[in-house]
Protein backbone atom coordinates (compact mmCIF):
# COMPACT_ATOMS: atom_id res chain seq x y z
CA MET A 1 63.01 25.95 -18.56
CA THR A 2 61.59 24.72 -15.26
CA THR A 3 61.47 21.09 -14.20
CA ALA A 4 57.72 21.03 -14.76
CA GLU A 5 58.13 22.56 -18.22
CA ARG A 6 60.83 20.04 -19.15
CA ALA A 7 58.66 17.20 -17.90
CA SER A 8 55.74 18.54 -19.86
CA ALA A 9 57.85 18.93 -22.97
CA ASP A 10 59.10 15.36 -22.74
CA PRO A 11 56.70 13.03 -24.55
CA ALA A 12 57.90 10.15 -22.42
CA ASN A 13 56.66 11.91 -19.31
CA ASP A 14 53.40 12.89 -20.98
CA ARG A 15 52.60 9.29 -21.81
CA PRO A 16 50.50 7.80 -18.98
CA SER A 17 52.17 4.81 -17.31
CA THR A 18 50.27 1.70 -16.31
CA ARG A 19 50.06 2.92 -12.70
CA TRP A 20 49.06 6.39 -13.92
CA ARG A 21 46.21 4.89 -15.91
CA ALA A 22 45.09 2.63 -13.04
CA VAL A 23 44.85 5.53 -10.59
CA LEU A 24 43.09 7.69 -13.17
CA LEU A 25 40.56 4.95 -13.90
CA ALA A 26 39.95 4.56 -10.16
CA ALA A 27 39.27 8.30 -10.04
CA VAL A 28 36.88 7.86 -12.99
CA ALA A 29 34.96 5.22 -11.04
CA ALA A 30 34.82 7.42 -7.91
CA CYS A 31 33.61 10.45 -9.88
CA ALA A 32 31.01 8.37 -11.72
CA ALA A 33 29.72 7.05 -8.39
CA CYS A 34 29.43 10.61 -7.10
CA GLY A 35 27.66 11.79 -10.25
CA LEU A 36 24.99 9.09 -9.99
CA VAL A 37 24.51 9.75 -6.28
CA TYR A 38 23.82 13.41 -7.06
CA GLU A 39 21.17 12.41 -9.60
CA LEU A 40 19.57 9.96 -7.16
CA ALA A 41 19.58 12.65 -4.47
CA LEU A 42 17.73 14.99 -6.84
CA LEU A 43 15.17 12.26 -7.57
CA THR A 44 14.73 11.56 -3.85
CA LEU A 45 14.26 15.23 -3.07
CA SER A 46 11.79 15.59 -5.93
CA SER A 47 9.76 12.72 -4.52
CA SER A 48 9.74 13.92 -0.90
CA MET A 49 9.13 17.62 -1.64
CA HIS A 50 6.99 17.57 -4.77
CA GLY A 51 5.41 14.13 -4.66
CA GLY A 52 7.73 12.69 -7.30
CA GLY A 53 5.81 10.82 -9.94
CA ILE A 54 6.56 9.62 -13.42
CA VAL A 55 6.44 13.08 -14.98
CA ALA A 56 8.87 14.67 -12.51
CA THR A 57 11.12 11.61 -12.62
CA SER A 58 11.14 11.55 -16.42
CA LEU A 59 11.95 15.27 -16.60
CA ILE A 60 14.85 14.92 -14.16
CA VAL A 61 16.29 11.84 -15.88
CA ALA A 62 15.80 13.27 -19.39
CA GLY A 63 17.16 16.66 -18.33
CA TYR A 64 20.15 15.04 -16.71
CA VAL A 65 20.96 12.96 -19.79
CA ALA A 66 20.55 16.00 -22.05
CA ALA A 67 22.86 17.97 -19.76
CA LEU A 68 25.46 15.20 -20.06
CA GLY A 69 25.58 15.78 -23.80
CA ALA A 70 25.64 19.55 -23.42
CA GLY A 71 28.52 19.33 -20.96
CA ALA A 72 30.53 17.11 -23.31
CA LEU A 73 30.13 19.64 -26.11
CA ALA A 74 30.79 22.68 -23.93
CA VAL A 75 34.15 21.35 -22.72
CA LYS A 76 35.60 20.83 -26.22
CA PRO A 77 37.36 24.23 -26.39
CA LEU A 78 39.07 23.47 -23.04
CA LEU A 79 40.55 20.10 -23.95
CA GLY A 80 43.91 21.78 -24.64
CA ARG A 81 44.08 22.43 -20.89
CA ALA A 82 42.54 19.15 -19.84
CA ALA A 83 44.41 18.79 -16.53
CA LEU A 84 43.50 22.19 -15.11
CA THR A 85 39.96 21.99 -16.48
CA PHE A 86 39.46 18.56 -14.92
CA VAL A 87 40.36 19.89 -11.48
CA ALA A 88 38.05 22.87 -11.96
CA VAL A 89 35.17 20.66 -13.11
CA GLU A 90 35.56 18.26 -10.20
CA THR A 91 35.75 21.15 -7.72
CA LEU A 92 32.54 22.67 -9.05
CA LEU A 93 30.85 19.28 -9.20
CA GLY A 94 31.82 18.44 -5.62
CA VAL A 95 30.58 21.79 -4.30
CA ILE A 96 27.35 22.01 -6.33
CA GLY A 97 26.48 18.34 -5.85
CA GLY A 98 27.42 18.38 -2.19
CA LEU A 99 25.32 21.46 -1.47
CA SER A 100 22.39 20.51 -3.74
CA ALA A 101 20.32 18.72 -1.09
CA ALA A 102 20.77 21.49 1.46
CA ALA A 103 19.95 24.17 -1.12
CA LEU A 104 16.76 22.41 -2.20
CA TYR A 105 15.67 21.75 1.37
CA VAL A 106 16.26 25.34 2.50
CA THR A 107 14.61 26.82 -0.59
CA PHE A 108 11.57 24.59 -0.18
CA SER A 109 11.22 25.50 3.50
CA PHE A 110 11.72 29.25 3.23
CA ILE A 111 10.16 30.05 -0.15
CA GLY A 112 7.62 27.26 -0.51
CA GLY A 113 8.79 26.06 -3.91
CA SER A 114 12.08 24.69 -5.17
CA THR A 115 11.30 23.50 -8.68
CA TRP A 116 13.62 26.04 -10.28
CA VAL A 117 16.46 24.99 -7.93
CA LEU A 118 15.82 21.38 -8.92
CA VAL A 119 15.95 22.25 -12.62
CA VAL A 120 19.10 24.36 -12.30
CA GLY A 121 20.78 21.75 -10.09
CA THR A 122 19.98 18.98 -12.57
CA ALA A 123 21.37 21.01 -15.48
CA LEU A 124 24.58 22.03 -13.69
CA ILE A 125 25.36 18.61 -12.27
CA GLY A 126 24.56 16.86 -15.54
CA GLY A 127 26.69 19.31 -17.51
CA LEU A 128 29.69 18.91 -15.21
CA VAL A 129 29.42 15.11 -15.20
CA GLY A 130 29.16 15.18 -19.01
CA ALA A 131 32.42 17.16 -19.21
CA GLU A 132 34.33 14.50 -17.25
CA VAL A 133 34.62 11.82 -19.94
CA PRO A 134 36.15 14.01 -22.72
CA LEU A 135 38.63 15.43 -20.20
CA LEU A 136 39.57 12.03 -18.84
CA MET A 137 39.91 10.55 -22.32
CA THR A 138 42.24 13.42 -23.23
CA LEU A 139 44.34 12.79 -20.11
CA LEU A 140 44.49 9.07 -20.81
CA GLN A 141 45.68 9.68 -24.37
CA ARG A 142 48.05 12.55 -23.52
CA GLY A 143 51.30 12.19 -25.48
CA HIS A 144 50.19 8.82 -26.75
CA THR A 145 50.17 7.98 -30.45
CA ALA A 146 48.11 4.87 -31.05
CA GLY A 147 46.06 3.10 -33.61
CA ALA A 148 42.33 2.63 -33.60
CA ALA A 149 42.54 -0.56 -31.54
CA ASP A 150 44.52 1.12 -28.74
CA SER A 151 42.11 4.05 -28.71
CA GLY A 152 39.22 1.60 -28.55
CA ARG A 153 40.82 -0.21 -25.62
CA ALA A 154 41.36 3.09 -23.79
CA LEU A 155 37.73 4.06 -24.36
CA ALA A 156 36.56 0.61 -23.22
CA ASN A 157 38.55 0.95 -19.99
CA LEU A 158 37.17 4.42 -19.42
CA ASN A 159 33.57 3.32 -19.99
CA ALA A 160 34.01 0.24 -17.80
CA ALA A 161 35.34 2.35 -14.92
CA ASP A 162 32.55 4.89 -15.45
CA TYR A 163 29.75 2.30 -15.46
CA PHE A 164 31.19 0.32 -12.56
CA GLY A 165 31.44 3.52 -10.53
CA ALA A 166 27.82 4.33 -11.38
CA LEU A 167 26.81 0.88 -10.08
CA VAL A 168 28.63 1.52 -6.80
CA GLY A 169 26.96 4.93 -6.47
CA GLY A 170 23.56 3.45 -7.22
CA LEU A 171 23.99 0.94 -4.39
CA LEU A 172 25.52 3.35 -1.89
CA TRP A 173 22.69 5.90 -2.02
CA PRO A 174 19.70 3.72 -0.97
CA PHE A 175 21.58 1.28 1.26
CA VAL A 176 24.24 3.41 2.99
CA LEU A 177 24.12 7.16 2.44
CA LEU A 178 20.39 7.92 2.61
CA PRO A 179 19.44 5.63 5.55
CA HIS A 180 22.51 6.43 7.66
CA LEU A 181 23.29 10.03 6.78
CA GLY A 182 20.08 11.44 5.35
CA MET A 183 19.71 13.56 2.20
CA ILE A 184 21.71 16.63 3.28
CA ARG A 185 24.63 14.77 4.87
CA GLY A 186 24.54 12.05 2.20
CA ALA A 187 24.95 14.55 -0.63
CA ALA A 188 27.63 16.49 1.32
CA ALA A 189 29.60 13.30 2.04
CA THR A 190 29.45 12.44 -1.66
CA GLY A 191 30.82 15.90 -2.48
CA VAL A 192 33.72 15.29 -0.09
CA ILE A 193 34.54 12.03 -1.89
CA ASN A 194 34.36 13.86 -5.20
CA LEU A 195 36.82 16.53 -4.03
CA VAL A 196 39.20 13.99 -2.49
CA ALA A 197 39.26 12.05 -5.78
CA ALA A 198 40.09 15.28 -7.62
CA ALA A 199 42.85 16.07 -5.11
CA VAL A 200 44.38 12.60 -5.55
CA VAL A 201 44.43 13.04 -9.32
CA ALA A 202 45.96 16.52 -8.97
CA VAL A 203 48.69 15.52 -6.51
CA PHE A 204 49.76 12.16 -7.86
CA LEU A 205 48.94 12.33 -11.55
CA LEU A 206 48.89 15.93 -12.76
CA ARG A 207 51.91 17.36 -10.95
CA HIS A 208 54.05 16.81 -14.07
CA ILE A 209 51.46 18.51 -16.27
CA LEU A 210 50.51 21.48 -14.11
CA SER A 211 53.01 24.12 -13.09
CA ALA A 212 53.79 24.48 -9.39
CA ARG A 213 51.67 27.63 -9.24
CA GLN A 214 48.72 25.99 -11.00
CA LEU A 215 48.95 22.96 -8.74
CA GLY A 216 49.06 25.15 -5.64
CA VAL A 217 46.04 27.17 -6.73
CA ALA A 218 44.13 24.01 -7.62
CA LEU A 219 44.83 22.40 -4.25
CA GLY A 220 43.94 25.60 -2.43
CA VAL A 221 40.57 25.78 -4.16
CA LEU A 222 39.95 22.09 -3.47
CA ALA A 223 40.82 22.60 0.20
CA ALA A 224 38.43 25.57 0.51
CA ALA A 225 35.65 23.60 -1.15
CA LEU A 226 36.36 20.64 1.09
CA MET A 227 36.13 22.81 4.21
CA SER A 228 32.74 24.16 3.14
CA LEU A 229 31.34 20.64 2.77
CA VAL A 230 32.89 19.46 6.05
CA THR A 231 31.22 22.43 7.75
CA LEU A 232 27.90 21.39 6.24
CA LEU A 233 28.43 17.83 7.48
CA ILE A 234 29.00 19.14 11.00
CA ARG A 235 26.12 21.63 10.96
CA ALA A 236 23.64 19.55 8.96
CA ASP A 237 21.42 18.89 11.98
CA ASP A 238 21.10 22.62 12.70
CA VAL A 239 20.26 23.37 9.06
CA GLU A 240 17.71 20.58 8.85
CA THR A 241 16.06 21.33 12.20
CA THR A 242 15.70 25.05 11.45
CA THR A 243 14.33 24.59 7.95
CA ARG A 244 12.04 21.70 8.88
CA GLN A 245 10.40 23.62 11.72
CA ARG A 246 9.43 26.38 9.28
CA LEU A 247 7.22 23.89 7.45
CA TYR A 248 5.05 23.23 10.50
CA ILE A 249 2.98 25.61 12.59
CA ASP A 250 3.35 23.66 15.82
CA PRO A 251 6.57 22.56 17.57
CA ILE A 252 8.04 19.29 16.30
CA VAL A 253 8.27 16.65 19.04
CA ALA A 254 9.42 13.71 16.92
CA PHE A 255 11.08 13.30 13.54
CA VAL A 256 12.12 10.14 11.70
CA ARG A 257 13.34 9.73 8.12
CA SER A 258 12.69 6.10 7.30
CA PRO A 259 13.59 4.34 4.04
CA TYR A 260 9.99 4.98 2.95
CA GLN A 261 9.06 8.47 4.10
CA GLU A 262 9.67 11.46 6.34
CA ILE A 263 7.65 11.20 9.54
CA VAL A 264 6.95 14.24 11.71
CA VAL A 265 4.91 14.55 14.89
CA THR A 266 3.99 18.02 16.19
CA ARG A 267 2.29 19.04 19.40
CA ARG A 268 0.73 22.19 20.78
CA ALA A 269 -1.10 21.79 24.09
CA ASP A 270 -3.38 18.76 23.62
CA ASP A 271 -3.28 18.80 19.82
CA MET A 272 -0.85 16.20 18.48
CA ARG A 273 -0.51 15.81 14.70
CA LEU A 274 1.14 13.21 12.49
CA TYR A 275 2.58 14.11 9.09
CA LEU A 276 3.93 11.71 6.45
CA ASP A 277 6.08 13.42 3.80
CA GLY A 278 4.49 16.71 4.82
CA GLY A 279 0.90 15.46 4.48
CA LEU A 280 -1.28 15.64 7.59
CA GLN A 281 -2.57 12.21 8.66
CA PHE A 282 -4.51 13.12 11.79
CA SER A 283 -5.01 15.66 14.56
CA THR A 284 -5.96 14.44 18.03
CA ARG A 285 -8.36 17.37 18.14
CA ASP A 286 -10.83 15.62 15.84
CA GLU A 287 -9.39 12.30 14.64
CA PHE A 288 -12.14 10.43 16.51
CA ARG A 289 -14.62 11.62 13.87
CA TYR A 290 -12.51 10.05 11.14
CA THR A 291 -11.56 6.91 13.05
CA GLU A 292 -15.05 6.06 14.30
CA SER A 293 -16.49 6.59 10.81
CA LEU A 294 -13.82 4.34 9.33
CA VAL A 295 -13.99 1.45 11.79
CA TYR A 296 -17.49 0.83 13.13
CA PRO A 297 -19.51 0.35 9.92
CA ALA A 298 -17.27 -2.63 9.10
CA LEU A 299 -18.22 -4.35 12.39
CA ALA A 300 -21.98 -4.32 11.89
CA GLN A 301 -22.27 -8.07 11.28
CA GLY A 302 -20.81 -9.22 14.58
CA ALA A 303 -17.17 -9.30 13.52
CA ARG A 304 -14.74 -11.13 15.79
CA SER A 305 -11.58 -10.79 13.76
CA ALA A 306 -10.32 -7.77 11.86
CA LEU A 307 -7.57 -6.95 9.38
CA ILE A 308 -6.14 -3.42 9.17
CA LEU A 309 -4.16 -2.56 6.04
CA GLY A 310 -2.13 0.58 6.81
CA GLY A 311 -3.23 2.53 9.87
CA GLY A 312 0.16 2.14 11.53
CA ASP A 313 -0.62 5.00 13.92
CA GLY A 314 -2.72 2.52 15.94
CA LEU A 315 -5.90 4.62 15.98
CA ALA A 316 -8.03 2.12 14.05
CA ALA A 317 -6.78 -0.68 16.30
CA ARG A 318 -7.72 1.41 19.35
CA GLU A 319 -11.33 1.66 18.20
CA LEU A 320 -11.52 -2.01 17.27
CA LEU A 321 -10.36 -2.96 20.75
CA ARG A 322 -13.32 -1.07 22.23
CA HIS A 323 -15.62 -3.59 20.56
CA SER A 324 -16.19 -6.33 23.13
CA GLN A 325 -16.62 -9.03 20.47
CA ILE A 326 -13.27 -8.43 18.72
CA SER A 327 -10.88 -11.18 19.76
CA GLU A 328 -8.04 -10.73 17.25
CA ILE A 329 -6.62 -7.98 15.04
CA THR A 330 -3.93 -8.25 12.37
CA GLN A 331 -2.21 -4.95 11.59
CA VAL A 332 -0.24 -4.84 8.31
CA GLU A 333 2.05 -1.80 8.03
CA LEU A 334 4.93 -1.26 5.62
CA ASP A 335 7.07 1.13 7.67
CA PRO A 336 8.39 -0.13 11.03
CA ALA A 337 9.27 3.46 11.96
CA VAL A 338 5.55 4.31 12.07
CA ILE A 339 4.92 1.34 14.37
CA ASP A 340 7.78 2.45 16.64
CA LEU A 341 6.27 5.94 16.90
CA ALA A 342 2.83 4.45 17.55
CA ARG A 343 4.28 2.57 20.50
CA THR A 344 6.10 5.60 21.91
CA THR A 345 5.23 9.18 20.91
CA LEU A 346 1.68 8.33 19.79
CA GLN A 347 0.93 5.90 22.61
CA ASP A 348 -1.38 8.31 24.46
CA ALA A 349 -3.39 8.90 21.28
CA ASN A 350 -3.86 5.20 20.50
CA ARG A 351 -3.98 4.08 24.16
CA GLY A 352 -1.23 1.53 23.62
CA ALA A 353 -3.37 -0.42 21.16
CA LEU A 354 -0.48 -2.04 19.29
CA ASP A 355 0.84 -3.59 22.51
CA ASP A 356 -2.47 -5.30 23.27
CA PRO A 357 -2.12 -9.13 23.12
CA ARG A 358 -5.07 -9.30 20.71
CA VAL A 359 -3.10 -7.31 18.10
CA THR A 360 -0.57 -8.95 15.78
CA VAL A 361 1.63 -6.47 13.90
CA VAL A 362 2.96 -7.55 10.50
CA ILE A 363 5.66 -5.43 8.83
CA ASP A 364 5.07 -5.92 5.12
CA ASP A 365 3.74 -4.31 1.96
CA ALA A 366 -0.04 -4.77 1.99
CA MET A 367 -0.22 -5.97 -1.60
CA THR A 368 2.62 -8.44 -1.13
CA TRP A 369 1.13 -9.75 2.08
CA LEU A 370 -2.31 -10.26 0.55
CA ARG A 371 -0.79 -12.52 -2.08
CA THR A 372 0.26 -14.97 0.62
CA VAL A 373 -2.63 -14.70 3.12
CA ASP A 374 -4.03 -18.12 4.05
CA ARG A 375 -7.00 -17.13 6.21
CA THR A 376 -9.99 -14.81 6.20
CA PHE A 377 -11.21 -12.03 8.53
CA ASP A 378 -14.65 -10.84 9.51
CA ALA A 379 -13.79 -7.21 8.74
CA VAL A 380 -11.14 -5.53 6.58
CA ILE A 381 -10.24 -1.89 7.16
CA VAL A 382 -8.11 -0.20 4.50
CA ASP A 383 -6.55 2.92 6.03
CA LEU A 384 -3.86 3.97 3.56
CA PRO A 385 -2.48 7.43 2.64
CA ASP A 386 -3.90 9.23 -0.37
CA PRO A 387 -2.53 7.80 -3.66
CA ASP A 388 -0.41 10.77 -4.74
CA ASN A 389 2.33 8.60 -6.26
CA PRO A 390 2.44 5.32 -8.24
CA VAL A 391 3.62 3.30 -5.22
CA LEU A 392 0.46 4.21 -3.30
CA GLY A 393 -1.63 4.18 -6.47
CA ARG A 394 -1.19 0.43 -6.78
CA LEU A 395 -2.97 0.08 -3.41
CA TYR A 396 -6.02 1.77 -4.91
CA SER A 397 -6.23 -0.49 -7.96
CA THR A 398 -8.65 -3.15 -9.15
CA GLU A 399 -5.92 -5.72 -8.63
CA PHE A 400 -5.42 -4.69 -5.00
CA TYR A 401 -9.11 -4.90 -4.08
CA THR A 402 -9.32 -8.24 -5.87
CA LEU A 403 -6.54 -9.50 -3.59
CA VAL A 404 -8.48 -8.27 -0.55
CA THR A 405 -11.18 -10.83 -1.37
CA ARG A 406 -8.70 -13.51 -0.32
CA ALA A 407 -8.70 -12.10 3.21
CA LEU A 408 -12.39 -11.21 3.57
CA ALA A 409 -14.79 -13.87 4.81
CA PRO A 410 -17.90 -14.42 2.64
CA GLY A 411 -20.63 -11.90 3.27
CA ARG A 412 -18.41 -9.72 5.47
CA LEU A 413 -17.57 -6.03 5.09
CA MET A 414 -14.62 -3.95 3.98
CA VAL A 415 -14.22 -0.20 4.59
CA VAL A 416 -11.80 1.97 2.57
CA GLN A 417 -10.80 5.54 3.33
CA ALA A 418 -11.45 7.19 -0.03
CA GLY A 419 -10.47 10.84 0.30
CA SER A 420 -12.63 13.93 0.07
CA PRO A 421 -15.73 13.85 -2.17
CA TYR A 422 -15.71 17.65 -2.11
CA SER A 423 -12.01 18.58 -2.46
CA THR A 424 -11.00 15.67 -4.71
CA PRO A 425 -14.31 14.33 -6.09
CA THR A 426 -12.81 12.56 -9.09
CA ALA A 427 -10.38 10.60 -6.89
CA PHE A 428 -13.19 9.75 -4.45
CA TRP A 429 -15.59 8.40 -7.06
CA ARG A 430 -12.68 6.74 -8.89
CA THR A 431 -12.01 4.77 -5.70
CA VAL A 432 -15.66 3.72 -5.50
CA SER A 433 -15.69 2.61 -9.15
CA THR A 434 -12.41 0.73 -8.69
CA ILE A 435 -13.72 -1.20 -5.67
CA GLU A 436 -16.84 -2.12 -7.66
CA SER A 437 -14.69 -3.34 -10.56
CA ALA A 438 -13.21 -5.95 -8.19
CA GLY A 439 -16.65 -7.50 -7.63
CA PHE A 440 -17.84 -5.51 -4.62
CA ALA A 441 -21.14 -3.74 -4.08
CA VAL A 442 -20.33 -0.36 -2.53
CA THR A 443 -22.13 2.14 -0.33
CA PRO A 444 -20.20 5.42 -0.18
CA TYR A 445 -20.61 7.81 2.76
CA HIS A 446 -18.95 10.96 4.04
CA VAL A 447 -18.61 12.96 7.26
CA HIS A 448 -17.18 16.31 8.31
CA VAL A 449 -13.76 16.23 9.95
CA PRO A 450 -12.77 19.82 10.78
CA THR A 451 -9.06 19.25 10.13
CA PHE A 452 -9.69 17.67 6.72
CA GLY A 453 -13.09 19.02 5.73
CA ASP A 454 -15.59 16.72 4.02
CA TRP A 455 -14.11 13.21 4.08
CA GLY A 456 -15.38 10.07 2.42
CA PHE A 457 -15.34 6.31 2.87
CA ALA A 458 -16.53 3.27 0.95
CA LEU A 459 -18.33 0.38 2.66
CA ALA A 460 -18.16 -2.72 0.48
CA ARG A 461 -19.34 -6.32 0.35
CA ARG A 462 -18.84 -9.00 -2.27
CA GLY A 463 -21.87 -9.43 -4.47
CA SER A 464 -24.49 -7.22 -6.06
CA THR A 465 -26.35 -5.92 -3.00
CA PRO A 466 -24.82 -2.80 -1.45
CA PRO A 467 -24.47 -3.02 2.35
CA VAL A 468 -26.52 -0.78 4.62
CA PRO A 469 -24.20 1.19 6.91
CA THR A 470 -24.97 0.36 10.52
CA VAL A 471 -23.40 1.38 13.82
CA PRO A 472 -22.93 -1.74 15.97
CA ASP A 473 -23.40 -1.84 19.71
CA VAL A 474 -19.86 -1.79 21.06
CA GLY A 475 -20.77 -1.54 24.72
CA ALA A 476 -19.43 2.02 24.96
CA ARG A 477 -20.74 5.42 23.92
CA LEU A 478 -18.98 6.83 20.85
CA ARG A 479 -17.93 10.47 20.75
CA PHE A 480 -19.21 11.18 17.25
CA LEU A 481 -20.85 8.38 15.31
CA ASN A 482 -24.41 7.20 15.80
CA GLN A 483 -27.01 5.72 13.49
CA GLU A 484 -28.59 9.06 12.64
CA VAL A 485 -25.22 10.55 11.70
CA LEU A 486 -24.37 7.48 9.59
CA ASP A 487 -27.73 7.52 7.81
CA ALA A 488 -27.19 11.16 6.87
CA ALA A 489 -23.62 10.38 5.78
CA THR A 490 -24.87 8.29 2.83
CA VAL A 491 -26.58 11.33 1.27
CA PHE A 492 -24.59 13.30 -1.30
CA SER A 493 -25.61 16.76 -2.50
CA ALA A 494 -25.76 17.65 -6.20
CA ASP A 495 -22.32 19.29 -6.25
CA VAL A 496 -20.67 16.04 -5.10
CA ALA A 497 -23.05 13.62 -6.78
CA ARG A 498 -22.06 10.13 -7.89
CA ARG A 499 -19.83 9.84 -10.95
CA GLN A 500 -19.35 6.73 -13.07
CA LEU A 501 -15.63 6.49 -13.86
CA GLU A 502 -13.23 3.97 -15.28
CA PRO A 503 -11.41 2.00 -12.58
CA SER A 504 -7.80 2.62 -11.63
CA THR A 505 -5.55 -0.35 -12.45
CA LEU A 506 -1.89 -1.25 -12.27
CA GLU A 507 -1.60 -0.61 -15.99
CA HIS A 508 -3.56 2.66 -15.83
CA PRO A 509 -3.15 4.23 -12.35
CA ARG A 510 -5.75 6.90 -13.10
CA ILE A 511 -6.29 7.78 -9.47
CA VAL A 512 -2.74 9.14 -9.17
CA ASP A 513 -3.49 11.67 -11.89
CA ASP A 514 -6.80 12.48 -10.18
CA ILE A 515 -4.98 13.40 -6.96
CA ARG A 516 -2.28 15.36 -8.75
CA LYS A 517 -4.74 17.53 -10.62
CA GLY A 518 -5.16 19.31 -7.31
CA TYR A 519 -7.95 20.19 -4.99
CA ARG A 520 -11.17 21.77 -6.13
């Protein structure tokens, strides 16, 4: 009989010591942290690649929880070999979880869809995490004969370590891993931690349970898996750069992943384009059509002060500064990374507007800021991304436009970019109805922007009399907008005629569903 066999046969050696249990519970916490990070990474990837949303989030969370139960049941026949199975499970979990972000990113870039990878990844990771607790409970109770109270205490310790580890993982992902390492490196680093925790358990705790050969094989597999993730950590930039470029026709000249979104700027010759989470925001080839149509109708009543909600690219501020009567502009933008790009990469496009002394930049959520505003402006320009998720949907709600009334001087005008009345007519007319529900009279209008197609806006004023869109004299000739063009812009053909719809509210963000139903 070998030393390992004698140790295994001796119940005294099988019984976990206090130190044994402490190290094992620490491993439980580490593995639980890793498991939650993998789930959060899947949710983050779902949001950035597929738009996220309550349906996708619910499916991932529900699928993950269901997979936890399936994994716990599937591992029951292997509890007789709990030590070896635990090492195998942690190895698979570290590799699959660590590679999940890279696999999703590459699949999305090269194939154009990664939903099936997301589903398979959720099921595999959830199943492996679900197998951990039965295995760990078996290891904790190995060779131990105890009453119900002792078993309850062991289970309580196991659950406490598991939940505490999940808390740590939940804090590490948004505050450390994602902002500092990004999705691919963050998931890979988590996989490394997972494998190291498994190696610690194998070397220090399971050496008396596993034979020398089993321990050697287990460590060899762990080392190979570790090397694969370390390689990914080193080459993550190459993987990300190659796959990201495939998503864009033109060369990428700037890329930033902020806590809020992925920001990409491309350029080919004189055409510079800004993308947020893959969605095109403007092209310098024709953005003047959009920007002039957005800004100037709001200035028709001799505005001297203006508030811009969104529009962090600085283009709206650029046009406002051309108006000789404008003396002050407040720019409210959530993401400081967009402002930084506006002051550097996009400076030629916006002519350095955000560095003009008349412009005050406020980094804040528009809805939060409006709750505390203590002054009014002569014009309010709402230039926010399309509401394709609940976070943006709240900025297209009755409650949001009601808050805008705090910042708009009596009798003055607000303009809202409202999407395409042709491609997304329900969302466009929903926006108009929602603005009206906040006590505004609205005049909708639309123009042709070659990059976007038919694009619409809503000119609004408090009261019951809709404003008449007018192009003010700004002391400079505009490239696109004039009074004749604006007059024609208020006419809608029969196929995009006015619709009376229920407003979108915080409780019922209908406009998010309108956007997600797709383009006509």
